[in-house]
Structures are given as structure tokens and as C-alpha cells.
Protein backbone atom coordinates (compact mmCIF):
# COMPACT_ATOMS: atom_id res chain seq x y z
CA MET A 1 -9.08 26.35 72.44
CA ASN A 2 -9.09 27.40 68.74
CA THR A 3 -6.79 30.11 67.51
CA ILE A 4 -8.71 32.20 65.12
CA ARG A 5 -6.70 33.44 62.24
CA SER A 6 -9.21 33.35 59.38
CA VAL A 7 -12.94 33.34 59.03
CA CYS A 8 -15.00 31.95 56.24
CA VAL A 9 -18.10 34.02 55.39
CA TYR A 10 -20.94 32.43 53.46
CA CYS A 11 -23.41 34.71 51.94
CA GLY A 12 -25.33 35.65 48.80
CA SER A 13 -23.79 36.59 45.49
CA SER A 14 -26.86 38.78 45.11
CA PRO A 15 -27.46 42.05 47.03
CA GLY A 16 -30.95 41.00 48.38
CA ARG A 17 -33.81 43.42 48.61
CA SER A 18 -32.58 45.44 51.52
CA GLU A 19 -29.63 47.74 51.66
CA VAL A 20 -29.12 46.58 55.33
CA TYR A 21 -27.59 43.18 54.00
CA LEU A 22 -24.87 44.96 51.87
CA LYS A 23 -24.07 47.26 54.69
CA ALA A 24 -23.72 44.28 57.06
CA GLY A 25 -21.40 42.66 54.61
CA ARG A 26 -19.25 45.70 54.25
CA THR A 27 -19.10 46.07 58.18
CA LEU A 28 -18.35 42.47 58.76
CA GLY A 29 -15.35 42.66 56.19
CA ARG A 30 -14.03 45.70 57.77
CA SER A 31 -14.31 44.09 61.32
CA LEU A 32 -12.40 41.10 60.31
CA ALA A 33 -9.58 43.25 58.74
CA GLN A 34 -9.44 45.46 61.82
CA ALA A 35 -9.03 42.36 63.95
CA GLY A 36 -6.17 41.11 61.85
CA LEU A 37 -8.21 38.06 60.56
CA ARG A 38 -8.15 36.76 57.07
CA LEU A 39 -11.36 36.64 55.23
CA ILE A 40 -11.97 33.31 53.32
CA TYR A 41 -14.96 33.61 50.95
CA GLY A 42 -16.57 32.32 47.73
CA GLY A 43 -14.63 34.79 45.43
CA GLY A 44 -17.55 36.68 44.10
CA THR A 45 -17.41 40.39 43.45
CA LYS A 46 -21.06 40.89 43.45
CA GLY A 47 -23.83 41.19 45.89
CA ILE A 48 -23.11 40.63 49.54
CA MET A 49 -20.01 38.63 48.61
CA GLY A 50 -18.58 41.74 46.98
CA ALA A 51 -19.47 43.82 49.91
CA VAL A 52 -17.80 41.65 52.35
CA ALA A 53 -14.59 41.53 50.37
CA ASP A 54 -14.60 45.23 49.64
CA GLY A 55 -15.18 46.00 53.32
CA ALA A 56 -12.06 43.94 54.28
CA LEU A 57 -9.91 45.12 51.40
CA ARG A 58 -10.72 48.82 52.05
CA ALA A 59 -9.61 48.31 55.77
CA GLY A 60 -6.28 46.81 54.58
CA GLY A 61 -7.34 43.27 55.25
CA LYS A 62 -6.20 39.95 53.65
CA VAL A 63 -8.87 38.22 51.51
CA THR A 64 -8.74 34.78 49.89
CA GLY A 65 -11.34 34.11 47.38
CA ILE A 66 -12.09 30.51 46.37
CA ILE A 67 -14.32 30.14 43.30
CA PRO A 68 -15.11 27.20 40.89
CA ARG A 69 -13.96 28.02 37.24
CA PHE A 70 -17.39 27.84 35.94
CA LEU A 71 -18.68 30.62 38.15
CA LEU A 72 -15.70 33.08 37.27
CA ASN A 73 -17.79 35.00 34.82
CA ARG A 74 -21.05 34.68 36.55
CA GLU A 75 -20.32 35.88 39.99
CA ALA A 76 -17.03 37.87 39.44
CA THR A 77 -15.41 40.59 37.45
CA GLU A 78 -11.76 40.49 36.42
CA ALA A 79 -11.14 43.81 38.03
CA GLY A 80 -12.67 42.78 41.30
CA LEU A 81 -10.74 39.62 41.40
CA ASP A 82 -7.38 41.48 40.80
CA ARG A 83 -7.87 43.29 44.19
CA LEU A 84 -7.82 40.03 46.11
CA ASP A 85 -4.35 39.00 47.59
CA GLU A 86 -5.11 35.34 46.99
CA LEU A 87 -7.41 33.67 44.49
CA ILE A 88 -7.97 29.95 44.33
CA VAL A 89 -9.86 28.66 41.31
CA THR A 90 -11.23 25.10 41.76
CA GLU A 91 -12.53 22.58 39.32
CA ASN A 92 -15.92 22.12 41.09
CA MET A 93 -18.14 23.08 43.96
CA HIS A 94 -17.05 20.11 46.24
CA GLU A 95 -13.41 21.11 45.91
CA ARG A 96 -14.31 24.77 46.66
CA LYS A 97 -16.18 23.94 49.93
CA HIS A 98 -13.40 21.59 51.00
CA ARG A 99 -10.74 24.22 50.46
CA MET A 100 -12.95 26.89 52.32
CA PHE A 101 -13.26 24.49 55.34
CA GLU A 102 -9.62 23.66 55.41
CA GLN A 103 -8.49 27.24 55.31
CA SER A 104 -11.00 28.54 57.94
CA ASP A 105 -10.88 28.73 61.75
CA ALA A 106 -14.48 29.90 61.97
CA PHE A 107 -17.76 30.21 59.82
CA VAL A 108 -20.15 32.91 59.54
CA ALA A 109 -23.62 32.87 57.55
CA LEU A 110 -24.75 36.21 56.37
CA PRO A 111 -27.96 36.53 54.62
CA GLY A 112 -28.06 34.47 51.28
CA GLY A 113 -29.94 31.82 49.37
CA ILE A 114 -29.98 28.19 48.94
CA GLY A 115 -26.15 27.93 48.34
CA THR A 116 -25.65 29.66 51.57
CA VAL A 117 -27.93 27.50 53.39
CA GLU A 118 -26.33 24.35 51.91
CA GLU A 119 -22.74 25.55 53.01
CA ILE A 120 -23.65 26.40 56.54
CA VAL A 121 -25.68 23.23 57.02
CA GLU A 122 -22.82 21.10 55.82
CA ILE A 123 -20.48 22.81 58.25
CA MET A 124 -22.97 22.00 61.06
CA THR A 125 -23.29 18.40 59.82
CA TRP A 126 -19.59 18.01 60.12
CA ALA A 127 -19.62 19.42 63.65
CA GLN A 128 -22.39 17.07 64.60
CA LEU A 129 -20.26 14.10 63.36
CA GLY A 130 -17.32 15.28 65.46
CA HIS A 131 -15.18 16.38 62.48
CA HIS A 132 -14.46 19.86 63.94
CA ARG A 133 -15.16 22.17 66.75
CA LYS A 134 -14.80 25.54 64.83
CA PRO A 135 -17.07 28.33 65.82
CA ILE A 136 -20.20 28.73 63.75
CA VAL A 137 -22.31 31.90 63.60
CA PHE A 138 -25.64 32.92 62.20
CA ALA A 139 -25.47 36.67 61.52
CA ASN A 140 -29.12 37.05 62.29
CA ILE A 141 -29.41 40.50 60.46
CA GLU A 142 -32.99 41.82 60.65
CA GLY A 143 -33.99 38.45 61.90
CA PHE A 144 -33.10 36.84 58.47
CA TRP A 145 -32.23 33.50 59.92
CA ALA A 146 -35.28 33.20 62.30
CA PRO A 147 -37.17 30.63 60.12
CA MET A 148 -34.04 28.52 59.83
CA LEU A 149 -33.47 28.56 63.62
CA ALA A 150 -37.05 27.64 64.21
CA LEU A 151 -36.59 24.68 62.03
CA MET A 152 -33.55 23.66 63.84
CA ASP A 153 -35.40 23.87 67.20
CA HIS A 154 -38.15 21.81 65.66
CA MET A 155 -35.69 19.21 64.45
CA ARG A 156 -34.09 19.08 67.89
CA ALA A 157 -37.42 18.87 69.73
CA GLU A 158 -38.55 15.98 67.43
CA GLY A 159 -35.35 13.98 68.26
CA PHE A 160 -33.52 14.37 64.83
CA ILE A 161 -30.47 16.20 66.19
CA HIS A 162 -29.01 13.50 68.45
CA THR A 163 -25.74 15.17 69.23
CA GLY A 164 -27.10 18.67 69.72
CA HIS A 165 -24.17 19.61 72.17
CA LEU A 166 -21.84 19.40 69.06
CA VAL A 167 -24.12 21.64 67.04
CA GLN A 168 -24.37 25.00 68.96
CA PRO A 169 -23.95 27.83 66.44
CA LEU A 170 -23.78 31.27 67.87
CA VAL A 171 -26.71 33.57 66.89
CA ILE A 172 -25.69 37.18 66.75
CA ASP A 173 -28.02 40.00 65.55
CA LYS A 174 -25.54 42.81 65.71
CA VAL A 175 -22.86 42.44 62.98
CA GLU A 176 -20.36 44.48 65.08
CA ALA A 177 -20.57 41.76 67.66
CA ILE A 178 -19.77 38.87 65.27
CA VAL A 179 -15.86 39.13 65.34
CA PRO A 180 -15.73 39.67 69.14
CA GLY A 181 -18.03 36.72 69.56
CA ILE A 182 -15.89 34.55 67.38
CA LEU A 183 -12.79 35.50 69.44
CA VAL A 184 -14.48 34.88 72.72
CA GLU A 185 -15.59 31.46 71.53
CA GLY A 186 -12.27 30.59 69.99
CA ALA A 187 -10.49 31.46 73.24
CA GLY A 188 -12.20 28.60 75.02
CA VAL A 189 -14.23 30.43 77.56
CA ASP A 190 -15.69 27.89 80.04
CA ALA A 191 -19.26 29.09 79.34
CA PRO A 192 -19.05 30.33 75.71
CA THR A 193 -22.57 31.29 75.27
CA ASP A 194 -22.57 33.41 78.33
CA GLY A 195 -19.17 34.82 77.40
CA VAL A 196 -20.34 35.74 73.86
CA GLN A 197 -23.67 37.24 75.19
CA ALA A 198 -21.66 39.43 77.63
CA VAL A 199 -19.60 40.77 74.59
CA ILE A 200 -22.79 41.50 72.62
CA ASP A 201 -24.44 43.10 75.53
CA LYS A 202 -21.59 45.65 75.74
CA MET A 203 -21.97 46.56 72.05
């Protein structure tokens, strides 16, 4: 059983080509706040990052931004950062990722680019090595993560994911179902996949 108090969200610092991605970010941020969960994220105030933080803050949620010093001017604005109730500035990307991991009880990957892929893959790698058992979610908005999930299935089929039972991320299409799904998984349901699916089906 994992008590869920904070959720790390990985996502793009750009908005993407579809408005649906920004909307999903704002909705997820609001959902986290309404559930009393702290948002841990990369500290950016632009793109989907900014949307998630804005959604949480507007709903009265607590937000921790963790950003490397060299990205302060590239991915954030001073006014936007002033809205966060906690800002952690790291010296490099490695420190940022480690701090995000330490402070989070679950992880969600919204649509994003290479950086988002790298971050969620690292979290899955650590799970495969037995380093943690925190819930991992692919927010499959408009099927965004379908190619990634197909690659993972291919790697598993070809025998390159040897401890697959330790790497079982939740795949959730409806952004409104992400927080309930995480809470069900964290509660230690005997059959977590079935439990999460039941939650999703009700939404």
C-alpha cells in the first residue's frame, strides 16, 4: 500500500498542436488539487507544464516546481513562478529528476517530447530494477502514447523486459480518471488493473 500525497506530472513545456493537450493539463491539475494532492512538476510556466500548474493553483492546490537554473529563463516567467507555493532550483537536470522522484508518490506522463519520454522511461527503469513501486500512468490523451506503448509491447515480446511484472504502468485515456486510478492503485487493491478499470468505466 502506498499513501498518495503528491503526484509528479511529466509533460511538454510546449503546448503541442492540439488544444486538447492544454485542456488535459488544466483538468489534471484541477483534479489533483480537488483530491488534496500536491503537484510536483518541472517548474515551467509555459505549454502543458504551465497548464497543469495553473489548473492546480486555480483550484487552490499546492504546487512544487523543480527546475534547473539554466532553464529558468527558457521555460518559465518570473510572474508565473511567483504563484507557486514552493520552488526548488537545482544545478542540473540530474538533480532535478532525483528531487522530483524523492518528493513524489506517483508519476503521470501527459503528452510531451523527448524530455518527457526520457523522464517516464527512467521511472519505469527504476521500477524494473525494484527501486520503487509507485504508480506510473500514461495519460493516453487522444491516443498520444499509442506508439510508445506498442514499442513496449514489442520489447516485452522480444524478451527485453525481463521483469515485466514490475513495470506495469496504467494506461488511462480519460484525464478525469487519472487521479481516481492512482488512488485505487495506491490503496493496494488486490487486482489493481481490474480496480482501476472499474473506476474508469464509471467515469
